[in-house]
Amino acid sequence: AGEEGTVIVQEVRKKGGNMGFDADKGKFVDMLAAGIVDPVKVVRTCLENGASIASVLLTTESIITDIPEEKKDMPMPPGGMGGGMY
């Protein structure tokens, strides 16, 4: 929203209650009175996805990959036929 996140979080914690930051209007409001309410399922999904992405980022060094196989030289073909009748 173009605002400093840490400052917003500090202000919301100071104000307490139902207070929050309305990013559309750029001011602190009572979220319930303003009709800004997120369904629990949406918030839960966001938190779960965020945690999942964070765990992927933390484990990027342990990604499983295929080990390239060494290419083996082809064996020598069998010798040609012996001398035949002329």
PDB file of N, CA and C in Angstrom:
ATOM      1  N   ALA A   1       0.834  -1.197   0.000  1.00  0.00           N
ATOM      2  CA  ALA A   1       0.000   0.000   0.000  1.00  0.00           C
ATOM      3  C   ALA A   1       0.869   1.248   0.000  1.00  0.00           C
ATOM      4  N   GLY A   2       2.187   1.074  -0.121  1.00  0.00           N
ATOM      5  CA  GLY A   2       3.077   2.225  -0.154  1.00  0.00           C
ATOM      6  C   GLY A   2       3.436   2.756   1.216  1.00  0.00           C
ATOM      7  N   GLU A   3       3.091   2.045   2.247  1.00  0.00           N
ATOM      8  CA  GLU A   3       3.389   2.467   3.620  1.00  0.00           C
ATOM      9  C   GLU A   3       4.464   1.555   4.206  1.00  0.00           C
ATOM     10  N   GLU A   4       5.112   2.022   5.255  1.00  0.00           N
ATOM     11  CA  GLU A   4       6.131   1.231   5.943  1.00  0.00           C
ATOM     12  C   GLU A   4       5.436   0.212   6.847  1.00  0.00           C
ATOM     13  N   GLY A   5       5.610  -1.074   6.546  1.00  0.00           N
ATOM     14  CA  GLY A   5       4.913  -2.137   7.256  1.00  0.00           C
ATOM     15  C   GLY A   5       5.165  -2.168   8.750  1.00  0.00           C
ATOM     16  N   THR A   6       6.406  -1.953   9.168  1.00  0.00           N
ATOM     17  CA  THR A   6       6.715  -2.017  10.603  1.00  0.00           C
ATOM     18  C   THR A   6       6.023  -0.903  11.370  1.00  0.00           C
ATOM     19  N   VAL A   7       5.919   0.275  10.768  1.00  0.00           N
ATOM     20  CA  VAL A   7       5.246   1.405  11.423  1.00  0.00           C
ATOM     21  C   VAL A   7       3.758   1.103  11.562  1.00  0.00           C
ATOM     22  N   ILE A   8       3.160   0.554  10.528  1.00  0.00           N
ATOM     23  CA  ILE A   8       1.731   0.214  10.553  1.00  0.00           C
ATOM     24  C   ILE A   8       1.454  -0.817  11.645  1.00  0.00           C
ATOM     25  N   VAL A   9       2.286  -1.854  11.714  1.00  0.00           N
ATOM     26  CA  VAL A   9       2.089  -2.905  12.719  1.00  0.00           C
ATOM     27  C   VAL A   9       2.212  -2.334  14.123  1.00  0.00           C
ATOM     28  N   GLN A  10       3.186  -1.470  14.366  1.00  0.00           N
ATOM     29  CA  GLN A  10       3.350  -0.857  15.691  1.00  0.00           C
ATOM     30  C   GLN A  10       2.126  -0.039  16.076  1.00  0.00           C
ATOM     31  N   GLU A  11       1.606   0.744  15.146  1.00  0.00           N
ATOM     32  CA  GLU A  11       0.429   1.574  15.429  1.00  0.00           C
ATOM     33  C   GLU A  11      -0.800   0.719  15.719  1.00  0.00           C
ATOM     34  N   VAL A  12      -0.988  -0.337  14.950  1.00  0.00           N
ATOM     35  CA  VAL A  12      -2.141  -1.216  15.162  1.00  0.00           C
ATOM     36  C   VAL A  12      -2.045  -1.875  16.529  1.00  0.00           C
ATOM     37  N   ARG A  13      -0.850  -2.286  16.925  1.00  0.00           N
ATOM     38  CA  ARG A  13      -0.674  -2.908  18.249  1.00  0.00           C
ATOM     39  C   ARG A  13      -0.949  -1.913  19.366  1.00  0.00           C
ATOM     40  N   LYS A  14      -0.540  -0.661  19.188  1.00  0.00           N
ATOM     41  CA  LYS A  14      -0.800   0.376  20.199  1.00  0.00           C
ATOM     42  C   LYS A  14      -2.296   0.623  20.351  1.00  0.00           C
ATOM     43  N   LYS A  15      -3.000   0.693  19.234  1.00  0.00           N
ATOM     44  CA  LYS A  15      -4.420   1.024  19.258  1.00  0.00           C
ATOM     45  C   LYS A  15      -5.255  -0.141  19.783  1.00  0.00           C
ATOM     46  N   GLY A  16      -4.848  -1.384  19.489  1.00  0.00           N
ATOM     47  CA  GLY A  16      -5.529  -2.565  20.007  1.00  0.00           C
ATOM     48  C   GLY A  16      -6.959  -2.700  19.511  1.00  0.00           C
ATOM     49  N   GLY A  17      -7.700  -3.589  20.140  1.00  0.00           N
ATOM     50  CA  GLY A  17      -9.105  -3.805  19.783  1.00  0.00           C
ATOM     51  C   GLY A  17      -9.284  -4.228  18.341  1.00  0.00           C
ATOM     52  N   ASN A  18     -10.279  -3.638  17.707  1.00  0.00           N
ATOM     53  CA  ASN A  18     -10.585  -3.958  16.310  1.00  0.00           C
ATOM     54  C   ASN A  18      -9.916  -3.006  15.337  1.00  0.00           C
ATOM     55  N   MET A  19      -8.992  -2.215  15.830  1.00  0.00           N
ATOM     56  CA  MET A  19      -8.350  -1.220  14.978  1.00  0.00           C
ATOM     57  C   MET A  19      -7.413  -1.892  13.980  1.00  0.00           C
ATOM     58  N   GLY A  20      -7.366  -1.326  12.791  1.00  0.00           N
ATOM     59  CA  GLY A  20      -6.498  -1.825  11.741  1.00  0.00           C
ATOM     60  C   GLY A  20      -6.238  -0.723  10.740  1.00  0.00           C
ATOM     61  N   PHE A  21      -5.437  -1.019   9.738  1.00  0.00           N
ATOM     62  CA  PHE A  21      -5.074  -0.017   8.734  1.00  0.00           C
ATOM     63  C   PHE A  21      -5.868  -0.262   7.462  1.00  0.00           C
ATOM     64  N   ASP A  22      -6.637   0.738   7.045  1.00  0.00           N
ATOM     65  CA  ASP A  22      -7.386   0.675   5.790  1.00  0.00           C
ATOM     66  C   ASP A  22      -6.453   1.169   4.694  1.00  0.00           C
ATOM     67  N   ALA A  23      -5.866   0.258   3.955  1.00  0.00           N
ATOM     68  CA  ALA A  23      -4.879   0.614   2.933  1.00  0.00           C
ATOM     69  C   ALA A  23      -5.508   1.403   1.793  1.00  0.00           C
ATOM     70  N   ASP A  24      -6.793   1.201   1.548  1.00  0.00           N
ATOM     71  CA  ASP A  24      -7.470   1.921   0.471  1.00  0.00           C
ATOM     72  C   ASP A  24      -7.563   3.418   0.784  1.00  0.00           C
ATOM     73  N   LYS A  25      -7.876   3.739   2.051  1.00  0.00           N
ATOM     74  CA  LYS A  25      -8.023   5.145   2.457  1.00  0.00           C
ATOM     75  C   LYS A  25      -6.762   5.701   3.110  1.00  0.00           C
ATOM     76  N   GLY A  26      -5.831   4.813   3.479  1.00  0.00           N
ATOM     77  CA  GLY A  26      -4.579   5.255   4.081  1.00  0.00           C
ATOM     78  C   GLY A  26      -4.711   5.748   5.507  1.00  0.00           C
ATOM     79  N   LYS A  27      -5.678   5.184   6.263  1.00  0.00           N
ATOM     80  CA  LYS A  27      -5.837   5.614   7.661  1.00  0.00           C
ATOM     81  C   LYS A  27      -6.231   4.432   8.541  1.00  0.00           C
ATOM     82  N   PHE A  28      -6.098   4.643   9.849  1.00  0.00           N
ATOM     83  CA  PHE A  28      -6.448   3.622  10.827  1.00  0.00           C
ATOM     84  C   PHE A  28      -7.935   3.738  11.133  1.00  0.00           C
ATOM     85  N   VAL A  29      -8.616   2.594  11.113  1.00  0.00           N
ATOM     86  CA  VAL A  29     -10.062   2.574  11.354  1.00  0.00           C
ATOM     87  C   VAL A  29     -10.423   1.372  12.208  1.00  0.00           C
ATOM     88  N   ASP A  30     -11.657   1.416  12.765  1.00  0.00           N
ATOM     89  CA  ASP A  30     -12.219   0.243  13.430  1.00  0.00           C
ATOM     90  C   ASP A  30     -12.645  -0.686  12.296  1.00  0.00           C
ATOM     91  N   MET A  31     -11.973  -1.809  12.164  1.00  0.00           N
ATOM     92  CA  MET A  31     -12.176  -2.692  11.018  1.00  0.00           C
ATOM     93  C   MET A  31     -13.616  -3.225  10.936  1.00  0.00           C
ATOM     94  N   LEU A  32     -14.220  -3.564  12.069  1.00  0.00           N
ATOM     95  CA  LEU A  32     -15.593  -4.065  12.045  1.00  0.00           C
ATOM     96  C   LEU A  32     -16.558  -2.970  11.622  1.00  0.00           C
ATOM     97  N   ALA A  33     -16.389  -1.768  12.174  1.00  0.00           N
ATOM     98  CA  ALA A  33     -17.275  -0.654  11.827  1.00  0.00           C
ATOM     99  C   ALA A  33     -17.137  -0.288  10.348  1.00  0.00           C
ATOM    100  N   ALA A  34     -15.931  -0.428   9.802  1.00  0.00           N
ATOM    101  CA  ALA A  34     -15.695  -0.094   8.397  1.00  0.00           C
ATOM    102  C   ALA A  34     -16.119  -1.230   7.467  1.00  0.00           C
ATOM    103  N   GLY A  35     -16.494  -2.385   8.038  1.00  0.00           N
ATOM    104  CA  GLY A  35     -16.931  -3.518   7.222  1.00  0.00           C
ATOM    105  C   GLY A  35     -15.789  -4.269   6.565  1.00  0.00           C
ATOM    106  N   ILE A  36     -14.594  -4.138   7.136  1.00  0.00           N
ATOM    107  CA  ILE A  36     -13.433  -4.843   6.591  1.00  0.00           C
ATOM    108  C   ILE A  36     -13.200  -6.085   7.441  1.00  0.00           C
ATOM    109  N   VAL A  37     -13.717  -7.213   6.958  1.00  0.00           N
ATOM    110  CA  VAL A  37     -13.616  -8.464   7.710  1.00  0.00           C
ATOM    111  C   VAL A  37     -13.206  -9.565   6.739  1.00  0.00           C
ATOM    112  N   ASP A  38     -12.161 -10.305   7.079  1.00  0.00           N
ATOM    113  CA  ASP A  38     -11.717 -11.427   6.257  1.00  0.00           C
ATOM    114  C   ASP A  38     -12.298 -12.714   6.826  1.00  0.00           C
ATOM    115  N   PRO A  39     -12.842 -13.567   5.973  1.00  0.00           N
ATOM    116  CA  PRO A  39     -13.317 -14.861   6.455  1.00  0.00           C
ATOM    117  C   PRO A  39     -12.152 -15.686   7.014  1.00  0.00           C
ATOM    118  N   VAL A  40     -12.434 -16.480   8.025  1.00  0.00           N
ATOM    119  CA  VAL A  40     -11.404 -17.291   8.676  1.00  0.00           C
ATOM    120  C   VAL A  40     -10.720 -18.214   7.676  1.00  0.00           C
ATOM    121  N   LYS A  41     -11.489 -18.789   6.762  1.00  0.00           N
ATOM    122  CA  LYS A  41     -10.907 -19.731   5.802  1.00  0.00           C
ATOM    123  C   LYS A  41      -9.870 -19.043   4.916  1.00  0.00           C
ATOM    124  N   VAL A  42     -10.127 -17.804   4.530  1.00  0.00           N
ATOM    125  CA  VAL A  42      -9.186 -17.065   3.689  1.00  0.00           C
ATOM    126  C   VAL A  42      -7.896 -16.787   4.457  1.00  0.00           C
ATOM    127  N   VAL A  43      -8.021 -16.323   5.689  1.00  0.00           N
ATOM    128  CA  VAL A  43      -6.840 -16.016   6.506  1.00  0.00           C
ATOM    129  C   VAL A  43      -6.038 -17.282   6.770  1.00  0.00           C
ATOM    130  N   ARG A  44      -6.728 -18.368   7.102  1.00  0.00           N
ATOM    131  CA  ARG A  44      -6.043 -19.635   7.379  1.00  0.00           C
ATOM    132  C   ARG A  44      -5.275 -20.114   6.145  1.00  0.00           C
ATOM    133  N   THR A  45      -5.906 -20.047   4.987  1.00  0.00           N
ATOM    134  CA  THR A  45      -5.257 -20.482   3.748  1.00  0.00           C
ATOM    135  C   THR A  45      -4.027 -19.635   3.445  1.00  0.00           C
ATOM    136  N   CYS A  46      -4.143 -18.333   3.646  1.00  0.00           N
ATOM    137  CA  CYS A  46      -2.994 -17.440   3.418  1.00  0.00           C
ATOM    138  C   CYS A  46      -1.831 -17.794   4.337  1.00  0.00           C
ATOM    139  N   LEU A  47      -2.119 -18.030   5.601  1.00  0.00           N
ATOM    140  CA  LEU A  47      -1.058 -18.375   6.551  1.00  0.00           C
ATOM    141  C   LEU A  47      -0.426 -19.727   6.217  1.00  0.00           C
ATOM    142  N   GLU A  48      -1.250 -20.704   5.852  1.00  0.00           N
ATOM    143  CA  GLU A  48      -0.716 -22.022   5.503  1.00  0.00           C
ATOM    144  C   GLU A  48       0.162 -21.945   4.252  1.00  0.00           C
ATOM    145  N   ASN A  49      -0.301 -21.215   3.244  1.00  0.00           N
ATOM    146  CA  ASN A  49       0.490 -21.085   2.018  1.00  0.00           C
ATOM    147  C   ASN A  49       1.785 -20.328   2.270  1.00  0.00           C
ATOM    148  N   GLY A  50       1.714 -19.291   3.097  1.00  0.00           N
ATOM    149  CA  GLY A  50       2.925 -18.538   3.432  1.00  0.00           C
ATOM    150  C   GLY A  50       3.944 -19.410   4.150  1.00  0.00           C
ATOM    151  N   ALA A  51       3.467 -20.225   5.094  1.00  0.00           N
ATOM    152  CA  ALA A  51       4.367 -21.127   5.813  1.00  0.00           C
ATOM    153  C   ALA A  51       4.954 -22.174   4.872  1.00  0.00           C
ATOM    154  N   SER A  52       4.151 -22.652   3.946  1.00  0.00           N
ATOM    155  CA  SER A  52       4.628 -23.645   2.983  1.00  0.00           C
ATOM    156  C   SER A  52       5.724 -23.067   2.093  1.00  0.00           C
ATOM    157  N   ILE A  53       5.514 -21.868   1.599  1.00  0.00           N
ATOM    158  CA  ILE A  53       6.516 -21.225   0.746  1.00  0.00           C
ATOM    159  C   ILE A  53       7.790 -20.945   1.535  1.00  0.00           C
ATOM    160  N   ALA A  54       7.638 -20.508   2.782  1.00  0.00           N
ATOM    161  CA  ALA A  54       8.814 -20.242   3.614  1.00  0.00           C
ATOM    162  C   ALA A  54       9.624 -21.516   3.822  1.00  0.00           C
ATOM    163  N   SER A  55       8.949 -22.645   4.040  1.00  0.00           N
ATOM    164  CA  SER A  55       9.689 -23.895   4.246  1.00  0.00           C
ATOM    165  C   SER A  55      10.400 -24.325   2.966  1.00  0.00           C
ATOM    166  N   VAL A  56       9.807 -24.063   1.820  1.00  0.00           N
ATOM    167  CA  VAL A  56      10.467 -24.387   0.550  1.00  0.00           C
ATOM    168  C   VAL A  56      11.723 -23.539   0.391  1.00  0.00           C
ATOM    169  N   LEU A  57      11.620 -22.261   0.708  1.00  0.00           N
ATOM    170  CA  LEU A  57      12.779 -21.381   0.589  1.00  0.00           C
ATOM    171  C   LEU A  57      13.899 -21.786   1.545  1.00  0.00           C
ATOM    172  N   LEU A  58      13.537 -22.274   2.719  1.00  0.00           N
ATOM    173  CA  LEU A  58      14.547 -22.675   3.695  1.00  0.00           C
ATOM    174  C   LEU A  58      15.231 -23.992   3.327  1.00  0.00           C
ATOM    175  N   THR A  59      14.581 -24.796   2.509  1.00  0.00           N
ATOM    176  CA  THR A  59      15.148 -26.104   2.163  1.00  0.00           C
ATOM    177  C   THR A  59      15.620 -26.169   0.715  1.00  0.00           C
ATOM    178  N   THR A  60      15.907 -25.045   0.106  1.00  0.00           N
ATOM    179  CA  THR A  60      16.319 -25.063  -1.299  1.00  0.00           C
ATOM    180  C   THR A  60      17.638 -25.784  -1.515  1.00  0.00           C
ATOM    181  N   GLU A  61      18.459 -25.897  -0.489  1.00  0.00           N
ATOM    182  CA  GLU A  61      19.740 -26.573  -0.650  1.00  0.00           C
ATOM    183  C   GLU A  61      19.598 -28.090  -0.651  1.00  0.00           C
ATOM    184  N   SER A  62      18.448 -28.596  -0.306  1.00  0.00           N
ATOM    185  CA  SER A  62      18.278 -30.048  -0.252  1.00  0.00           C
ATOM    186  C   SER A  62      17.298 -30.534  -1.321  1.00  0.00           C
ATOM    187  N   ILE A  63      17.351 -29.921  -2.467  1.00  0.00           N
ATOM    188  CA  ILE A  63      16.476 -30.322  -3.561  1.00  0.00           C
ATOM    189  C   ILE A  63      16.978 -31.640  -4.157  1.00  0.00           C
ATOM    190  N   ILE A  64      16.068 -32.521  -4.485  1.00  0.00           N
ATOM    191  CA  ILE A  64      16.420 -33.819  -5.058  1.00  0.00           C
ATOM    192  C   ILE A  64      16.551 -33.666  -6.569  1.00  0.00           C
ATOM    193  N   THR A  65      17.654 -34.145  -7.112  1.00  0.00           N
ATOM    194  CA  THR A  65      17.857 -34.085  -8.560  1.00  0.00           C
ATOM    195  C   THR A  65      18.348 -35.440  -9.054  1.00  0.00           C
ATOM    196  N   ASP A  66      18.317 -35.622 -10.349  1.00  0.00           N
ATOM    197  CA  ASP A  66      18.837 -36.848 -10.952  1.00  0.00           C
ATOM    198  C   ASP A  66      20.350 -36.748 -11.060  1.00  0.00           C
ATOM    199  N   ILE A  67      21.022 -37.849 -10.740  1.00  0.00           N
ATOM    200  CA  ILE A  67      22.474 -37.900 -10.901  1.00  0.00           C
ATOM    201  C   ILE A  67      22.743 -38.324 -12.335  1.00  0.00           C
ATOM    202  N   PRO A  68      23.505 -37.531 -13.075  1.00  0.00           N
ATOM    203  CA  PRO A  68      23.755 -37.902 -14.469  1.00  0.00           C
ATOM    204  C   PRO A  68      24.546 -39.208 -14.554  1.00  0.00           C
ATOM    205  N   GLU A  69      24.132 -40.064 -15.473  1.00  0.00           N
ATOM    206  CA  GLU A  69      24.816 -41.346 -15.655  1.00  0.00           C
ATOM    207  C   GLU A  69      26.025 -41.160 -16.560  1.00  0.00           C
ATOM    208  N   GLU A  70      27.067 -41.941 -16.289  1.00  0.00           N
ATOM    209  CA  GLU A  70      28.245 -41.898 -17.148  1.00  0.00           C
ATOM    210  C   GLU A  70      27.911 -42.598 -18.455  1.00  0.00           C
ATOM    211  N   LYS A  71      28.352 -42.008 -19.549  1.00  0.00           N
ATOM    212  CA  LYS A  71      28.125 -42.645 -20.847  1.00  0.00           C
ATOM    213  C   LYS A  71      29.195 -43.710 -21.050  1.00  0.00           C
ATOM    214  N   LYS A  72      28.749 -44.923 -21.334  1.00  0.00           N
ATOM    215  CA  LYS A  72      29.682 -46.030 -21.538  1.00  0.00           C
ATOM    216  C   LYS A  72      30.013 -46.127 -23.022  1.00  0.00           C
ATOM    217  N   ASP A  73      31.288 -46.409 -23.322  1.00  0.00           N
ATOM    218  CA  ASP A  73      31.702 -46.579 -24.714  1.00  0.00           C
ATOM    219  C   ASP A  73      31.083 -47.854 -25.271  1.00  0.00           C
ATOM    220  N   MET A  74      30.795 -47.817 -26.534  1.00  0.00           N
ATOM    221  CA  MET A  74      30.238 -48.995 -27.196  1.00  0.00           C
ATOM    222  C   MET A  74      31.339 -50.054 -27.307  1.00  0.00           C
ATOM    223  N   PRO A  75      30.998 -51.341 -27.115  1.00  0.00           N
ATOM    224  CA  PRO A  75      32.010 -52.398 -27.239  1.00  0.00           C
ATOM    225  C   PRO A  75      32.437 -52.543 -28.703  1.00  0.00           C
ATOM    226  N   MET A  76      33.599 -53.142 -28.885  1.00  0.00           N
ATOM    227  CA  MET A  76      34.114 -53.368 -30.243  1.00  0.00           C
ATOM    228  C   MET A  76      33.194 -54.350 -30.965  1.00  0.00           C
ATOM    229  N   PRO A  77      32.919 -54.091 -32.225  1.00  0.00           N
ATOM    230  CA  PRO A  77      32.076 -55.045 -32.963  1.00  0.00           C
ATOM    231  C   PRO A  77      32.875 -56.313 -33.239  1.00  0.00           C
ATOM    232  N   PRO A  78      32.179 -57.428 -33.457  1.00  0.00           N
ATOM    233  CA  PRO A  78      32.898 -58.676 -33.746  1.00  0.00           C
ATOM    234  C   PRO A  78      33.634 -58.563 -35.080  1.00  0.00           C
ATOM    235  N   GLY A  79      34.679 -59.354 -35.232  1.00  0.00           N
ATOM    236  CA  GLY A  79      35.468 -59.329 -36.468  1.00  0.00           C
ATOM    237  C   GLY A  79      34.646 -59.793 -37.666  1.00  0.00           C
ATOM    238  N   GLY A  80      35.109 -59.457 -38.849  1.00  0.00           N
ATOM    239  CA  GLY A  80      34.407 -59.852 -40.068  1.00  0.00           C
ATOM    240  C   GLY A  80      34.571 -61.339 -40.337  1.00  0.00           C
ATOM    241  N   MET A  81      33.933 -61.800 -41.359  1.00  0.00           N
ATOM    242  CA  MET A  81      34.013 -63.215 -41.711  1.00  0.00           C
ATOM    243  C   MET A  81      35.395 -63.512 -42.273  1.00  0.00           C
ATOM    244  N   GLY A  82      35.823 -64.693 -42.057  1.00  0.00           N
ATOM    245  CA  GLY A  82      37.122 -65.108 -42.575  1.00  0.00           C
ATOM    246  C   GLY A  82      37.121 -65.162 -44.105  1.00  0.00           C
ATOM    247  N   GLY A  83      38.267 -65.417 -44.660  1.00  0.00           N
ATOM    248  CA  GLY A  83      38.344 -65.502 -46.117  1.00  0.00           C
ATOM    249  C   GLY A  83      37.498 -66.661 -46.633  1.00  0.00           C
ATOM    250  N   GLY A  84      36.764 -66.436 -47.616  1.00  0.00           N
ATOM    251  CA  GLY A  84      35.907 -67.477 -48.153  1.00  0.00           C
ATOM    252  C   GLY A  84      36.529 -68.112 -49.387  1.00  0.00           C
ATOM    253  N   MET A  85      35.734 -68.812 -50.102  1.00  0.00           N
ATOM    254  CA  MET A  85      36.216 -69.445 -51.329  1.00  0.00           C
ATOM    255  C   MET A  85      36.283 -68.387 -52.413  1.00  0.00           C
ATOM    256  N   TYR A  86      37.377 -68.442 -53.219  1.00  0.00           N
ATOM    257  CA  TYR A  86      37.536 -67.456 -54.278  1.00  0.00           C
ATOM    258  C   TYR A  86      37.260 -68.085 -55.570  1.00  0.00           C
TER     259      TYR A  86
END
